[in-house]
Amino acid sequence: MFTMPVIDMTGTGKRIADLRQNAGLSVKDLQDIFGFATPNAIYKWQHGTAMPTLDNLVILAAVFGVAIDNIIVTDVNVNVQISA
């Protein structure tokens, strides 16, 4: 058994929502920045039901003026069994 960090999707979604609000951006603003036809992906990120792709995380980090590590929330207390 190893203790490895895992992504907390709900925490990450809340962080994205908080960063968006702190930047004074609406969901529509992010939709326009990404060129999405609908805001569904952004709502999924904020609710923790989906994660942005790596390239979208890079864009979010640039838009919010933070490092990717400041967007992703991890839980380091999860035991993972790795088998071959």
N, C-alpha and C. Protein backbone atom coordinates (compact mmCIF):
# COMPACT_ATOMS: atom_id res chain seq x y z
N MET A 1 0.84 -1.19 0.00
CA MET A 1 0.00 0.00 0.00
C MET A 1 0.88 1.25 0.00
N PHE A 2 0.52 2.19 -0.83
CA PHE A 2 1.22 3.45 -0.91
C PHE A 2 0.23 4.57 -0.63
N THR A 3 0.70 5.62 -0.02
CA THR A 3 -0.11 6.81 0.14
C THR A 3 0.28 7.76 -0.98
N MET A 4 -0.68 8.02 -1.85
CA MET A 4 -0.43 8.85 -3.02
C MET A 4 -1.49 9.95 -3.07
N PRO A 5 -1.13 11.11 -3.57
CA PRO A 5 -2.14 12.17 -3.70
C PRO A 5 -3.12 11.83 -4.83
N VAL A 6 -4.36 12.20 -4.61
CA VAL A 6 -5.38 12.07 -5.65
C VAL A 6 -6.07 13.43 -5.79
N ILE A 7 -6.60 13.69 -6.95
CA ILE A 7 -7.28 14.96 -7.19
C ILE A 7 -8.65 14.95 -6.52
N ASP A 8 -8.91 15.98 -5.74
CA ASP A 8 -10.22 16.20 -5.13
C ASP A 8 -11.02 17.03 -6.14
N MET A 9 -11.88 16.34 -6.90
CA MET A 9 -12.61 17.02 -7.98
C MET A 9 -13.57 18.07 -7.45
N THR A 10 -14.23 17.80 -6.34
CA THR A 10 -15.16 18.77 -5.77
C THR A 10 -14.40 20.00 -5.27
N GLY A 11 -13.29 19.77 -4.58
CA GLY A 11 -12.47 20.87 -4.10
C GLY A 11 -11.89 21.69 -5.24
N THR A 12 -11.47 21.01 -6.29
CA THR A 12 -10.92 21.70 -7.46
C THR A 12 -12.01 22.53 -8.12
N GLY A 13 -13.21 21.99 -8.23
CA GLY A 13 -14.32 22.74 -8.82
C GLY A 13 -14.64 23.99 -8.03
N LYS A 14 -14.65 23.86 -6.70
CA LYS A 14 -14.89 25.02 -5.85
C LYS A 14 -13.78 26.04 -6.02
N ARG A 15 -12.55 25.58 -6.13
CA ARG A 15 -11.42 26.50 -6.32
C ARG A 15 -11.56 27.24 -7.64
N ILE A 16 -11.97 26.54 -8.71
CA ILE A 16 -12.15 27.20 -10.01
C ILE A 16 -13.23 28.28 -9.89
N ALA A 17 -14.33 27.94 -9.23
CA ALA A 17 -15.41 28.92 -9.06
C ALA A 17 -14.93 30.12 -8.25
N ASP A 18 -14.18 29.88 -7.18
CA ASP A 18 -13.67 30.97 -6.35
C ASP A 18 -12.70 31.85 -7.13
N LEU A 19 -11.78 31.22 -7.87
CA LEU A 19 -10.81 31.99 -8.66
C LEU A 19 -11.52 32.82 -9.73
N ARG A 20 -12.55 32.23 -10.34
CA ARG A 20 -13.30 32.95 -11.37
C ARG A 20 -13.96 34.19 -10.76
N GLN A 21 -14.61 33.99 -9.62
CA GLN A 21 -15.29 35.11 -8.97
C GLN A 21 -14.30 36.17 -8.51
N ASN A 22 -13.17 35.74 -7.96
CA ASN A 22 -12.15 36.70 -7.50
C ASN A 22 -11.56 37.49 -8.66
N ALA A 23 -11.54 36.88 -9.85
CA ALA A 23 -11.04 37.58 -11.04
C ALA A 23 -12.10 38.49 -11.64
N GLY A 24 -13.31 38.46 -11.08
CA GLY A 24 -14.39 39.30 -11.59
C GLY A 24 -14.96 38.81 -12.91
N LEU A 25 -14.84 37.50 -13.15
CA LEU A 25 -15.32 36.92 -14.40
C LEU A 25 -16.61 36.13 -14.18
N SER A 26 -17.47 36.17 -15.15
CA SER A 26 -18.69 35.35 -15.12
C SER A 26 -18.41 34.03 -15.85
N VAL A 27 -19.32 33.10 -15.71
CA VAL A 27 -19.21 31.85 -16.46
C VAL A 27 -19.24 32.16 -17.95
N LYS A 28 -20.06 33.12 -18.36
CA LYS A 28 -20.13 33.53 -19.77
C LYS A 28 -18.78 34.07 -20.24
N ASP A 29 -18.10 34.82 -19.38
CA ASP A 29 -16.77 35.32 -19.74
C ASP A 29 -15.82 34.16 -20.04
N LEU A 30 -15.80 33.16 -19.16
CA LEU A 30 -14.93 32.00 -19.40
C LEU A 30 -15.35 31.25 -20.65
N GLN A 31 -16.65 31.12 -20.85
CA GLN A 31 -17.15 30.47 -22.06
C GLN A 31 -16.59 31.17 -23.30
N ASP A 32 -16.61 32.47 -23.30
CA ASP A 32 -16.10 33.25 -24.43
C ASP A 32 -14.59 33.08 -24.58
N ILE A 33 -13.86 33.10 -23.47
CA ILE A 33 -12.41 32.93 -23.51
C ILE A 33 -12.04 31.60 -24.15
N PHE A 34 -12.75 30.55 -23.78
CA PHE A 34 -12.46 29.21 -24.31
C PHE A 34 -13.09 28.97 -25.69
N GLY A 35 -14.03 29.81 -26.07
CA GLY A 35 -14.70 29.62 -27.35
C GLY A 35 -15.68 28.47 -27.34
N PHE A 36 -16.22 28.16 -26.15
CA PHE A 36 -17.20 27.08 -26.02
C PHE A 36 -18.56 27.57 -26.52
N ALA A 37 -19.30 26.68 -27.17
CA ALA A 37 -20.64 27.02 -27.65
C ALA A 37 -21.63 27.15 -26.49
N THR A 38 -21.41 26.37 -25.43
CA THR A 38 -22.28 26.41 -24.25
C THR A 38 -21.38 26.47 -23.01
N PRO A 39 -21.95 26.86 -21.87
CA PRO A 39 -21.16 26.92 -20.64
C PRO A 39 -21.11 25.60 -19.87
N ASN A 40 -21.64 24.53 -20.46
CA ASN A 40 -21.78 23.26 -19.74
C ASN A 40 -20.47 22.75 -19.16
N ALA A 41 -19.38 22.81 -19.92
CA ALA A 41 -18.10 22.30 -19.42
C ALA A 41 -17.65 23.07 -18.18
N ILE A 42 -17.83 24.37 -18.19
CA ILE A 42 -17.41 25.19 -17.06
C ILE A 42 -18.24 24.85 -15.82
N TYR A 43 -19.54 24.67 -16.01
CA TYR A 43 -20.39 24.27 -14.88
C TYR A 43 -19.98 22.90 -14.35
N LYS A 44 -19.63 21.97 -15.23
CA LYS A 44 -19.17 20.64 -14.79
C LYS A 44 -17.88 20.75 -14.00
N TRP A 45 -16.96 21.62 -14.45
CA TRP A 45 -15.72 21.82 -13.69
C TRP A 45 -16.04 22.35 -12.30
N GLN A 46 -16.89 23.36 -12.23
CA GLN A 46 -17.21 24.01 -10.96
C GLN A 46 -17.96 23.10 -10.00
N HIS A 47 -18.73 22.17 -10.53
CA HIS A 47 -19.47 21.24 -9.68
C HIS A 47 -18.66 19.99 -9.35
N GLY A 48 -17.47 19.86 -9.93
CA GLY A 48 -16.62 18.72 -9.64
C GLY A 48 -17.03 17.44 -10.32
N THR A 49 -17.82 17.54 -11.38
CA THR A 49 -18.23 16.33 -12.10
C THR A 49 -17.32 16.05 -13.29
N ALA A 50 -16.47 17.02 -13.63
CA ALA A 50 -15.49 16.84 -14.70
C ALA A 50 -14.29 17.72 -14.40
N MET A 51 -13.15 17.35 -14.96
CA MET A 51 -11.93 18.13 -14.80
C MET A 51 -11.57 18.79 -16.13
N PRO A 52 -11.02 20.01 -16.08
CA PRO A 52 -10.53 20.60 -17.32
C PRO A 52 -9.37 19.76 -17.87
N THR A 53 -9.23 19.74 -19.17
CA THR A 53 -8.08 19.07 -19.77
C THR A 53 -6.82 19.85 -19.39
N LEU A 54 -5.68 19.25 -19.61
CA LEU A 54 -4.43 19.90 -19.25
C LEU A 54 -4.26 21.23 -19.98
N ASP A 55 -4.59 21.25 -21.27
CA ASP A 55 -4.44 22.52 -22.00
C ASP A 55 -5.42 23.57 -21.48
N ASN A 56 -6.61 23.16 -21.04
CA ASN A 56 -7.56 24.11 -20.46
C ASN A 56 -7.09 24.58 -19.08
N LEU A 57 -6.41 23.71 -18.33
CA LEU A 57 -5.85 24.12 -17.04
C LEU A 57 -4.77 25.19 -17.25
N VAL A 58 -3.98 25.04 -18.30
CA VAL A 58 -2.95 26.04 -18.61
C VAL A 58 -3.61 27.39 -18.90
N ILE A 59 -4.69 27.37 -19.65
CA ILE A 59 -5.41 28.62 -19.96
C ILE A 59 -6.02 29.21 -18.69
N LEU A 60 -6.65 28.37 -17.86
CA LEU A 60 -7.23 28.87 -16.61
C LEU A 60 -6.17 29.52 -15.74
N ALA A 61 -5.02 28.87 -15.65
CA ALA A 61 -3.93 29.42 -14.83
C ALA A 61 -3.51 30.79 -15.35
N ALA A 62 -3.42 30.93 -16.66
CA ALA A 62 -3.04 32.22 -17.25
C ALA A 62 -4.11 33.27 -17.01
N VAL A 63 -5.37 32.90 -17.18
CA VAL A 63 -6.48 33.84 -17.00
C VAL A 63 -6.56 34.31 -15.54
N PHE A 64 -6.37 33.36 -14.60
CA PHE A 64 -6.48 33.70 -13.18
C PHE A 64 -5.17 34.25 -12.61
N GLY A 65 -4.08 34.13 -13.35
CA GLY A 65 -2.78 34.61 -12.88
C GLY A 65 -2.22 33.79 -11.74
N VAL A 66 -2.44 32.47 -11.79
CA VAL A 66 -1.94 31.56 -10.76
C VAL A 66 -1.25 30.37 -11.42
N ALA A 67 -0.53 29.59 -10.63
CA ALA A 67 0.06 28.35 -11.12
C ALA A 67 -1.02 27.27 -11.16
N ILE A 68 -0.83 26.29 -12.02
CA ILE A 68 -1.79 25.17 -12.09
C ILE A 68 -1.95 24.52 -10.72
N ASP A 69 -0.87 24.44 -9.96
CA ASP A 69 -0.93 23.84 -8.62
C ASP A 69 -1.89 24.59 -7.70
N ASN A 70 -2.15 25.85 -8.00
CA ASN A 70 -3.09 26.62 -7.19
C ASN A 70 -4.53 26.43 -7.63
N ILE A 71 -4.74 25.68 -8.70
CA ILE A 71 -6.09 25.37 -9.16
C ILE A 71 -6.50 23.97 -8.69
N ILE A 72 -5.60 23.03 -8.84
CA ILE A 72 -5.90 21.63 -8.51
C ILE A 72 -5.79 21.41 -7.00
N VAL A 73 -6.83 20.83 -6.42
CA VAL A 73 -6.85 20.48 -5.00
C VAL A 73 -6.60 18.98 -4.91
N THR A 74 -5.64 18.60 -4.07
CA THR A 74 -5.33 17.18 -3.90
C THR A 74 -5.61 16.74 -2.48
N ASP A 75 -5.86 15.45 -2.34
CA ASP A 75 -6.01 14.80 -1.04
C ASP A 75 -4.83 13.85 -0.92
N VAL A 76 -3.97 14.10 0.04
CA VAL A 76 -2.75 13.30 0.16
C VAL A 76 -2.90 12.13 1.13
N ASN A 77 -4.07 11.94 1.68
CA ASN A 77 -4.28 10.89 2.67
C ASN A 77 -5.04 9.69 2.14
N VAL A 78 -4.82 9.38 0.87
CA VAL A 78 -5.52 8.26 0.26
C VAL A 78 -4.54 7.12 0.05
N ASN A 79 -4.88 5.95 0.55
CA ASN A 79 -4.04 4.78 0.36
C ASN A 79 -4.43 4.09 -0.93
N VAL A 80 -3.46 3.83 -1.77
CA VAL A 80 -3.70 3.21 -3.07
C VAL A 80 -2.89 1.94 -3.15
N GLN A 81 -3.54 0.87 -3.56
CA GLN A 81 -2.83 -0.38 -3.76
C GLN A 81 -2.49 -0.51 -5.23
N ILE A 82 -1.22 -0.68 -5.50
CA ILE A 82 -0.75 -0.81 -6.86
C ILE A 82 -0.40 -2.28 -7.11
N SER A 83 -0.99 -2.84 -8.16
CA SER A 83 -0.71 -4.23 -8.47
C SER A 83 -0.18 -4.32 -9.90
N ALA A 84 0.59 -5.35 -10.13
CA ALA A 84 1.19 -5.53 -11.46
C ALA A 84 0.32 -6.40 -12.34
